[in-house]
Amino acid sequence: MTPNSDASYKLTNDRLGGCMANLSSFFRPRHAALLLTFFLILTHVARAQAQTIEILHNFGVNGGDGDVPYSGLVEDGAGNFYGTTAAGGAHGFGTVYRLSPDGSGGFTETILYSFKGGSTDGNFPHASLFRDSAGDLYGTTVTGGIVAPGCNVGGLSSPEGCGIVFKLTPIPTGQWTETVLHRFSGSDGGNAFSGLIRDAAGNFYGATVSGGSKGLGTVYKLSPTPTGWKETVLHSFMGNPDGALPFVDCATLAMDDRGNIFGSTYVGGADNAGTVFKLSPQTTGAWTEKILYAFKGGSDGKQAFSGVILDKNGNVYGTTSQGGAGGANGGTVFKLSAANNYAKTTLHNFTLKDPAKTFPNALIMDGKGNLYGTTGYALYKLAPGITAWTETVFWKWDSLEVQNGLNLFAPVLMDSHGNFYGTTTWGGQAGSTTGGVAFKVAP
């Protein structure tokens, strides 16, 4: 198969929002109004929750501020939060920001870096950041850098470039310095919507949605060397029976204590409905891929969009953005049991009648095995029971109350008190088709 010769491996408009609907607009997020208008038609939900929401910051209100945050938040020991916005900043190509407690119960935003776009810098940072023990921040951008034919975001044109991997380092003057660790060039991957994970040796791992030997995406490794960072493509996706387009949207790959990497693909596999995969390192230096599960579509679910997580027993959990029981096509939450050759169980089916609505995103898990996640409309919990899992909705975002934000795509962060922190992509004081907020939902 030639790269992207099969239209079935290109992106569809099945999912409203995020990285999928009208991708050319998402490279210019200020043009996302048409997409959101369609979303708002479906979004009116009633608010009847006991929890409270606090808006930590409204994006896109002041000149030079970031705009349209897709990423989640990471926190340091002083209670500061860090994230990225896909647009805004001094040059309009996105930002890295910090939200710091102001001592009066509020937060102050500082723009740590504004991306410049073009061949030397990134554009459209999408995923959450990685913060190391020294306080350095690492992340990816979807575009910017090298312009190459292999960077096509699943078949769509990407003239803004293949994207970069970057590092931001604080310096004593209070400014932050950017270092570009790698510029993707197509053959080695392109257009990273996912963030980074790091192993004990300091190597980073991530996924790109395009590029590689077939143009259908890669999993890559970045290793520090005395002369810089070296990229190695661990796997290029082939489509069928392999997966294709590993979005791992707004989230990251997962790694177990043996160094195996787990993730999902949006399409590909035996039924072209997406897969869950495992990559294992070999003594020869090569990596071996195993397809743990190929989705069948329909009631089984399809189009895994946001990666997977692992529990302490090696079981795999994730979501599909489409499919599910009853033909509602609202997506699912699933589990693959490691002790049973990764047999799949559907834990929950989302429908328009479900309190959390549809389009589930990435998951997190607490120490008791409860799952937490967001849909485009709500923050929810799934608790394991003897025969089934029970859903509790903590907060629902109402399209008629734009001040609380609209539309979620990133996983939330939970503190030891059970408070949840995250972002919405639109809404807030900037309005319904731009802006976005950083929020706290308290139990």
Protein backbone atom coordinates (compact mmCIF):
# COMPACT_ATOMS: atom_id res chain seq x y z
CA MET A 1 0.00 0.00 0.00
CA THR A 2 1.35 3.41 -0.87
CA PRO A 3 1.15 6.07 1.80
CA ASN A 4 -2.47 7.12 2.33
CA SER A 5 -3.61 5.46 -0.90
CA ASP A 6 -6.63 4.04 0.92
CA ALA A 7 -9.17 6.73 1.82
CA SER A 8 -10.41 4.55 4.69
CA TYR A 9 -7.25 5.44 6.57
CA LYS A 10 -7.91 9.14 6.27
CA LEU A 11 -9.64 11.06 9.02
CA THR A 12 -13.39 11.34 9.07
CA ASN A 13 -15.71 13.94 10.53
CA ASP A 14 -17.36 11.40 12.84
CA ARG A 15 -16.09 13.09 15.97
CA LEU A 16 -17.18 16.66 16.67
CA GLY A 17 -14.25 18.75 17.81
CA GLY A 18 -10.76 17.79 18.86
CA CYS A 19 -8.30 16.85 16.18
CA MET A 20 -10.67 15.18 13.82
CA ALA A 21 -13.40 17.38 12.51
CA ASN A 22 -12.13 19.67 9.76
CA LEU A 23 -8.45 19.39 10.61
CA SER A 24 -7.51 22.22 8.32
CA SER A 25 -9.53 24.48 10.62
CA PHE A 26 -7.75 23.14 13.67
CA PHE A 27 -4.42 24.24 12.28
CA ARG A 28 -6.02 27.67 12.44
CA PRO A 29 -8.12 27.32 15.63
CA ARG A 30 -9.59 30.79 15.31
CA HIS A 31 -11.58 29.36 12.37
CA ALA A 32 -13.26 26.70 14.52
CA ALA A 33 -16.56 28.61 14.83
CA LEU A 34 -18.41 26.56 12.25
CA LEU A 35 -17.42 23.35 13.97
CA LEU A 36 -18.53 24.58 17.36
CA THR A 37 -21.88 25.77 16.05
CA PHE A 38 -22.74 22.20 15.06
CA PHE A 39 -21.51 21.00 18.45
CA LEU A 40 -23.72 23.46 20.33
CA ILE A 41 -26.84 22.14 18.63
CA LEU A 42 -26.27 18.82 20.39
CA THR A 43 -24.87 20.04 23.67
CA HIS A 44 -27.74 21.48 25.75
CA VAL A 45 -27.79 19.50 28.99
CA ALA A 46 -29.38 20.28 32.34
CA ARG A 47 -27.28 21.06 35.42
CA ALA A 48 -28.28 19.23 38.57
CA GLN A 49 -24.94 18.48 40.24
CA ALA A 50 -23.94 19.10 43.84
CA GLN A 51 -20.31 19.79 43.01
CA THR A 52 -18.99 23.27 42.35
CA ILE A 53 -16.83 24.63 39.56
CA GLU A 54 -14.18 27.33 39.90
CA ILE A 55 -12.69 29.05 36.87
CA LEU A 56 -8.94 29.41 37.37
CA HIS A 57 -8.32 31.32 34.14
CA ASN A 58 -10.15 32.55 31.05
CA PHE A 59 -8.04 32.19 27.92
CA GLY A 60 -8.10 34.47 24.89
CA VAL A 61 -9.43 37.53 26.70
CA ASN A 62 -6.32 39.70 26.79
CA GLY A 63 -3.94 40.49 23.95
CA GLY A 64 -0.98 38.12 23.79
CA ASP A 65 -2.72 35.50 25.92
CA GLY A 66 -3.01 31.90 24.83
CA ASP A 67 -6.18 30.75 23.13
CA VAL A 68 -7.93 27.39 22.61
CA PRO A 69 -6.27 24.98 25.08
CA TYR A 70 -6.47 21.30 24.13
CA SER A 71 -3.94 20.06 26.67
CA GLY A 72 -4.55 19.06 30.24
CA LEU A 73 -2.65 20.46 33.23
CA VAL A 74 0.47 19.33 35.06
CA GLU A 75 1.28 20.56 38.57
CA ASP A 76 4.48 21.28 40.49
CA GLY A 77 5.09 21.07 44.23
CA ALA A 78 4.21 24.74 44.77
CA GLY A 79 0.73 24.38 43.32
CA ASN A 80 1.51 25.94 39.93
CA PHE A 81 -0.19 24.47 36.86
CA TYR A 82 1.35 24.26 33.37
CA GLY A 83 -0.23 23.68 29.98
CA THR A 84 -0.31 24.64 26.31
CA THR A 85 -2.71 26.51 24.06
CA ALA A 86 -3.05 25.73 20.38
CA ALA A 87 -3.36 29.36 19.33
CA GLY A 88 -2.74 32.83 20.65
CA GLY A 89 0.44 34.21 22.13
CA ALA A 90 2.71 36.89 20.73
CA HIS A 91 2.80 35.33 17.25
CA GLY A 92 -0.57 33.54 17.09
CA PHE A 93 0.98 30.06 16.95
CA GLY A 94 0.23 28.89 20.49
CA THR A 95 1.78 29.15 23.94
CA VAL A 96 3.12 27.39 26.99
CA TYR A 97 1.69 28.97 30.15
CA ARG A 98 1.85 28.75 33.94
CA LEU A 99 -1.00 29.41 36.38
CA SER A 100 0.33 30.42 39.82
CA PRO A 101 -1.64 30.85 43.07
CA ASP A 102 -1.93 34.56 43.83
CA GLY A 103 -2.34 34.18 47.60
CA SER A 104 -5.96 35.33 47.51
CA GLY A 105 -7.55 32.17 46.21
CA GLY A 106 -7.05 33.04 42.54
CA PHE A 107 -4.42 32.30 39.92
CA THR A 108 -2.12 34.49 37.84
CA GLU A 109 -1.20 33.44 34.33
CA THR A 110 2.32 33.82 32.94
CA ILE A 111 3.12 33.11 29.29
CA LEU A 112 6.38 31.13 29.45
CA TYR A 113 6.78 30.83 25.69
CA SER A 114 5.03 31.92 22.50
CA PHE A 115 5.69 29.70 19.50
CA LYS A 116 6.92 31.38 16.34
CA GLY A 117 5.93 28.80 13.73
CA GLY A 118 7.87 28.48 10.50
CA SER A 119 10.80 26.17 9.83
CA THR A 120 12.72 26.92 13.02
CA ASP A 121 9.97 26.58 15.61
CA GLY A 122 6.73 24.78 16.30
CA ASN A 123 3.09 25.64 15.70
CA PHE A 124 -0.17 24.32 17.23
CA PRO A 125 0.95 22.64 20.49
CA HIS A 126 -1.78 20.21 21.32
CA ALA A 127 -0.78 17.68 23.98
CA SER A 128 -0.10 17.98 27.70
CA LEU A 129 3.41 18.71 28.92
CA PHE A 130 5.97 16.54 30.72
CA ARG A 131 7.71 18.22 33.68
CA ASP A 132 10.96 16.81 35.06
CA SER A 133 12.42 17.10 38.58
CA ALA A 134 14.50 20.13 37.56
CA GLY A 135 11.39 21.99 36.45
CA ASP A 136 12.08 21.72 32.72
CA LEU A 137 9.04 21.29 30.47
CA TYR A 138 8.89 19.02 27.42
CA GLY A 139 6.23 18.76 24.73
CA THR A 140 5.30 18.46 21.08
CA THR A 141 3.67 20.57 18.39
CA VAL A 142 1.49 19.27 15.60
CA THR A 143 2.98 21.50 12.91
CA GLY A 144 5.88 23.87 12.33
CA GLY A 145 9.40 22.76 11.50
CA ILE A 146 10.15 20.85 8.31
CA VAL A 147 7.60 20.85 5.47
CA ALA A 148 7.58 17.40 3.86
CA PRO A 149 5.13 15.29 1.81
CA GLY A 150 5.08 12.56 4.47
CA CYS A 151 3.41 14.86 6.98
CA ASN A 152 -0.21 14.78 6.00
CA VAL A 153 -2.29 14.12 9.14
CA GLY A 154 -3.97 11.03 7.79
CA GLY A 155 -4.17 12.23 4.21
CA LEU A 156 -4.98 15.90 4.64
CA SER A 157 -2.57 18.60 3.57
CA SER A 158 -0.26 19.96 6.25
CA PRO A 159 1.65 22.85 4.70
CA GLU A 160 2.68 24.22 8.09
CA GLY A 161 5.23 21.43 8.64
CA CYS A 162 5.73 18.10 10.39
CA GLY A 163 5.97 19.37 13.97
CA ILE A 164 8.68 19.37 16.62
CA VAL A 165 9.63 18.08 20.06
CA PHE A 166 10.69 20.93 22.38
CA LYS A 167 12.14 21.62 25.81
CA LEU A 168 11.62 24.77 27.89
CA THR A 169 14.19 25.62 30.56
CA PRO A 170 13.73 28.30 33.25
CA ILE A 171 16.62 30.71 33.71
CA PRO A 172 17.36 33.00 36.70
CA THR A 173 15.98 36.13 35.03
CA GLY A 174 12.53 34.57 35.03
CA GLN A 175 12.47 33.97 31.30
CA TRP A 176 12.30 30.53 29.73
CA THR A 177 14.50 29.27 26.91
CA GLU A 178 13.26 26.91 24.20
CA THR A 179 15.40 24.14 22.74
CA VAL A 180 14.10 22.18 19.76
CA LEU A 181 15.04 18.55 20.48
CA HIS A 182 13.78 17.16 17.18
CA ARG A 183 12.09 18.25 13.96
CA PHE A 184 10.02 15.53 12.31
CA SER A 185 10.62 15.08 8.60
CA GLY A 186 7.90 12.69 7.43
CA SER A 187 9.88 9.49 7.01
CA ASP A 188 10.57 9.52 10.76
CA GLY A 189 7.02 10.57 11.68
CA GLY A 190 5.00 13.74 11.62
CA ASN A 191 2.19 15.66 13.32
CA ALA A 192 2.28 14.60 16.98
CA PHE A 193 -1.02 15.09 18.77
CA SER A 194 0.26 13.05 21.73
CA GLY A 195 2.53 14.08 24.57
CA LEU A 196 5.67 12.42 25.90
CA ILE A 197 6.49 9.75 28.46
CA ARG A 198 10.01 9.12 29.83
CA ASP A 199 11.78 6.01 31.08
CA ALA A 200 14.30 5.76 33.92
CA ALA A 201 17.21 6.26 31.50
CA GLY A 202 15.87 9.62 30.34
CA ASN A 203 14.55 8.48 26.95
CA PHE A 204 11.30 9.99 25.71
CA TYR A 205 8.58 8.12 23.79
CA GLY A 206 5.68 9.41 21.74
CA ALA A 207 3.46 8.81 18.72
CA THR A 208 2.88 10.68 15.47
CA VAL A 209 -0.32 10.45 13.47
CA SER A 210 1.38 10.59 10.08
CA GLY A 211 4.73 9.78 8.53
CA GLY A 212 6.69 6.56 8.74
CA SER A 213 7.19 3.99 6.01
CA LYS A 214 3.51 3.94 5.00
CA GLY A 215 2.50 7.44 6.00
CA LEU A 216 0.14 6.02 8.65
CA GLY A 217 1.95 7.08 11.79
CA THR A 218 4.78 6.00 14.06
CA VAL A 219 5.87 5.34 17.62
CA TYR A 220 9.27 6.94 18.24
CA LYS A 221 11.99 7.19 20.88
CA LEU A 222 14.19 10.22 21.62
CA SER A 223 17.47 9.40 23.36
CA PRO A 224 19.93 11.91 24.87
CA THR A 225 23.46 11.66 23.47
CA PRO A 226 26.63 13.75 24.03
CA THR A 227 25.94 15.57 20.75
CA GLY A 228 22.20 16.03 21.03
CA TRP A 229 19.03 13.98 20.88
CA LYS A 230 18.72 10.96 18.60
CA GLU A 231 15.34 9.84 17.27
CA THR A 232 14.59 6.18 16.55
CA VAL A 233 11.38 5.00 14.90
CA LEU A 234 10.26 2.00 16.95
CA HIS A 235 7.32 1.16 14.73
CA SER A 236 5.68 2.36 11.52
CA PHE A 237 2.00 1.48 11.25
CA MET A 238 0.83 -0.50 8.21
CA GLY A 239 -2.97 -0.34 8.33
CA ASN A 240 -4.26 -3.92 8.06
CA PRO A 241 -3.80 -6.13 10.03
CA ASP A 242 -1.76 -3.50 11.84
CA GLY A 243 -3.30 -0.26 13.11
CA ALA A 244 -3.16 3.18 11.53
CA LEU A 245 -3.19 6.78 12.81
CA PRO A 246 -2.12 6.51 16.47
CA PHE A 247 -3.68 9.73 17.68
CA VAL A 248 -3.35 9.21 21.44
CA ASP A 249 -5.16 12.53 21.42
CA CYS A 250 -4.29 15.04 24.15
CA ALA A 251 -2.75 12.17 26.17
CA THR A 252 0.32 9.90 26.08
CA LEU A 253 1.39 6.34 25.46
CA ALA A 254 1.56 4.02 28.48
CA MET A 255 4.61 2.06 29.67
CA ASP A 256 4.81 -0.86 32.11
CA ASP A 257 7.68 -1.66 34.49
CA ARG A 258 9.30 -3.91 31.86
CA GLY A 259 9.53 -1.13 29.31
CA ASN A 260 6.67 -2.33 27.11
CA ILE A 261 4.71 0.45 25.41
CA PHE A 262 0.92 0.40 25.01
CA GLY A 263 -1.29 2.59 22.85
CA SER A 264 -4.21 2.71 20.45
CA THR A 265 -4.89 3.55 16.82
CA TYR A 266 -7.87 5.38 15.43
CA VAL A 267 -8.37 3.07 12.43
CA GLY A 268 -6.66 0.05 10.88
CA GLY A 269 -6.85 -3.51 12.08
CA ALA A 270 -8.89 -6.38 10.67
CA ASP A 271 -12.12 -4.35 10.55
CA ASN A 272 -10.51 -0.92 10.08
CA ALA A 273 -12.10 0.15 13.37
CA GLY A 274 -8.86 0.73 15.28
CA THR A 275 -6.62 -1.33 17.52
CA VAL A 276 -4.89 -1.53 20.89
CA PHE A 277 -1.21 -2.41 20.50
CA LYS A 278 1.81 -3.37 22.59
CA LEU A 279 5.42 -2.71 21.59
CA SER A 280 8.10 -4.79 23.34
CA PRO A 281 11.87 -4.11 23.26
CA GLN A 282 14.11 -6.96 22.07
CA THR A 283 17.74 -7.73 22.90
CA THR A 284 18.62 -7.05 19.25
CA GLY A 285 17.53 -3.43 19.62
CA ALA A 286 14.39 -3.95 17.54
CA TRP A 287 10.86 -3.66 18.91
CA THR A 288 8.09 -6.19 18.32
CA GLU A 289 4.46 -5.16 17.94
CA LYS A 290 1.54 -7.25 19.13
CA ILE A 291 -2.07 -6.31 18.42
CA LEU A 292 -3.85 -6.88 21.74
CA TYR A 293 -7.27 -6.12 20.32
CA ALA A 294 -8.79 -5.07 17.00
CA PHE A 295 -12.14 -3.32 17.35
CA LYS A 296 -15.02 -4.61 15.25
CA GLY A 297 -17.15 -1.50 15.08
CA GLY A 298 -20.86 -1.39 15.85
CA SER A 299 -21.69 -2.49 19.39
CA ASP A 300 -18.04 -3.42 19.98
CA GLY A 301 -16.87 0.18 19.58
CA LYS A 302 -14.50 1.79 17.10
CA GLN A 303 -11.99 4.59 16.66
CA ALA A 304 -9.98 4.55 19.89
CA PHE A 305 -8.93 8.16 20.10
CA SER A 306 -7.21 8.86 23.41
CA GLY A 307 -4.70 6.14 24.20
CA VAL A 308 -4.85 3.67 27.09
CA ILE A 309 -3.82 3.38 30.75
CA LEU A 310 -2.61 0.39 32.81
CA ASP A 311 -3.46 -0.79 36.30
CA LYS A 312 -1.04 -2.51 38.70
CA ASN A 313 -1.96 -5.93 37.28
CA GLY A 314 -1.21 -4.94 33.69
CA ASN A 315 -4.84 -4.67 32.62
CA VAL A 316 -5.46 -2.11 29.88
CA TYR A 317 -8.24 0.51 29.97
CA GLY A 318 -9.33 2.96 27.33
CA THR A 319 -12.17 4.50 25.38
CA THR A 320 -13.54 4.38 21.86
CA SER A 321 -14.92 7.59 20.45
CA GLN A 322 -17.62 5.84 18.39
CA GLY A 323 -19.73 2.68 18.46
CA GLY A 324 -21.23 0.94 21.45
CA ALA A 325 -24.33 -1.05 22.35
CA GLY A 326 -27.78 -0.08 21.14
CA GLY A 327 -26.59 1.66 17.99
CA ALA A 328 -26.23 4.96 19.80
CA ASN A 329 -22.67 5.40 18.49
CA GLY A 330 -21.66 7.41 21.55
CA GLY A 331 -18.45 5.54 22.35
CA THR A 332 -17.41 3.10 25.05
CA VAL A 333 -15.08 2.49 28.00
CA PHE A 334 -13.32 -0.88 27.75
CA LYS A 335 -10.95 -3.15 29.67
CA LEU A 336 -8.48 -5.69 28.28
CA SER A 337 -7.63 -8.36 30.90
CA ALA A 338 -3.94 -9.24 30.90
CA ALA A 339 -4.47 -12.57 32.69
CA ASN A 340 -6.97 -13.65 30.01
CA ASN A 341 -4.88 -12.90 26.89
CA TYR A 342 -6.26 -9.36 26.86
CA ALA A 343 -9.88 -10.41 26.46
CA LYS A 344 -12.09 -7.34 26.10
CA THR A 345 -14.93 -6.26 28.38
CA THR A 346 -17.06 -3.19 27.70
CA LEU A 347 -17.44 -1.35 31.00
CA HIS A 348 -19.76 1.41 29.80
CA ASN A 349 -21.64 2.52 26.69
CA PHE A 350 -22.28 6.23 26.16
CA THR A 351 -25.48 7.49 24.54
CA LEU A 352 -27.23 10.81 24.13
CA LYS A 353 -29.45 9.73 27.05
CA ASP A 354 -26.44 9.06 29.27
CA PRO A 355 -25.89 11.88 31.82
CA ALA A 356 -22.32 12.26 30.58
CA LYS A 357 -23.46 12.27 26.94
CA THR A 358 -21.00 11.06 24.29
CA PHE A 359 -17.44 11.20 22.88
CA PRO A 360 -15.30 9.94 25.81
CA ASN A 361 -11.69 11.07 26.12
CA ALA A 362 -8.65 9.75 28.02
CA LEU A 363 -8.95 8.10 31.44
CA ILE A 364 -7.18 8.29 34.79
CA MET A 365 -7.40 5.78 37.68
CA ASP A 366 -7.21 6.22 41.44
CA GLY A 367 -5.70 3.83 43.99
CA LYS A 368 -9.02 2.03 44.47
CA GLY A 369 -9.41 1.16 40.80
CA ASN A 370 -12.04 3.79 40.03
CA LEU A 371 -11.85 5.33 36.56
CA TYR A 372 -12.34 9.04 35.85
CA GLY A 373 -12.69 10.71 32.51
CA THR A 374 -14.31 13.40 30.45
CA THR A 375 -16.63 13.38 27.51
CA GLY A 376 -17.15 16.42 25.33
CA TYR A 377 -19.84 17.39 27.82
CA ALA A 378 -19.09 16.08 31.32
CA LEU A 379 -16.70 14.83 34.01
CA TYR A 380 -17.60 11.33 35.21
CA LYS A 381 -16.49 8.42 37.42
CA LEU A 382 -16.84 4.68 36.80
CA ALA A 383 -16.67 2.54 39.94
CA PRO A 384 -16.21 -1.27 39.74
CA GLY A 385 -18.94 -3.42 41.28
CA ILE A 386 -19.62 -7.12 41.67
CA THR A 387 -21.41 -7.45 38.33
CA ALA A 388 -21.11 -4.05 36.66
CA TRP A 389 -19.51 -0.62 36.79
CA THR A 390 -21.49 2.33 38.12
CA GLU A 391 -21.30 5.77 36.53
CA THR A 392 -21.39 9.00 38.54
CA VAL A 393 -21.35 12.36 36.76
CA PHE A 394 -19.52 15.06 38.73
CA TRP A 395 -20.13 18.00 36.44
CA LYS A 396 -21.93 18.73 33.16
CA TRP A 397 -21.04 21.67 30.94
CA ASP A 398 -24.07 23.53 29.64
CA SER A 399 -23.82 25.22 26.25
CA LEU A 400 -26.10 27.96 27.54
CA GLU A 401 -23.64 28.79 30.33
CA VAL A 402 -20.62 29.64 28.22
CA GLN A 403 -18.78 31.24 31.15
CA ASN A 404 -17.90 27.77 32.50
CA GLY A 405 -16.27 26.75 29.24
CA LEU A 406 -17.26 24.40 26.44
CA ASN A 407 -15.99 21.05 25.20
CA LEU A 408 -13.33 18.91 26.86
CA PHE A 409 -10.68 16.80 25.14
CA ALA A 410 -7.89 16.25 27.69
CA PRO A 411 -7.67 14.00 30.75
CA VAL A 412 -8.25 15.66 34.10
CA LEU A 413 -5.82 15.92 37.01
CA MET A 414 -7.05 14.78 40.46
CA ASP A 415 -5.48 15.87 43.77
CA SER A 416 -5.43 14.03 47.11
CA HIS A 417 -8.64 15.78 48.20
CA GLY A 418 -10.61 14.56 45.20
CA ASN A 419 -10.58 17.90 43.37
CA PHE A 420 -10.35 17.79 39.59
CA TYR A 421 -8.40 20.22 37.41
CA GLY A 422 -8.54 20.55 33.65
CA THR A 423 -9.30 22.72 30.64
CA THR A 424 -12.08 23.30 28.18
CA THR A 425 -11.16 24.13 24.61
CA TRP A 426 -13.71 26.89 24.06
CA GLY A 427 -16.00 29.12 26.06
CA GLY A 428 -15.38 31.31 29.07
CA GLN A 429 -15.29 35.10 28.91
CA ALA A 430 -13.86 35.05 25.38
CA GLY A 431 -17.07 33.57 24.01
CA SER A 432 -18.46 30.37 22.58
CA THR A 433 -16.18 29.89 19.58
CA THR A 434 -12.78 30.71 21.07
CA GLY A 435 -11.11 31.16 24.44
CA GLY A 436 -11.42 28.20 26.77
CA VAL A 437 -10.92 28.00 30.53
CA ALA A 438 -8.82 26.25 33.14
CA PHE A 439 -11.14 24.90 35.84
CA LYS A 440 -11.37 23.17 39.20
CA VAL A 441 -14.33 20.93 40.09
CA ALA A 442 -14.60 20.31 43.83
CA PRO A 443 -16.52 17.35 45.33
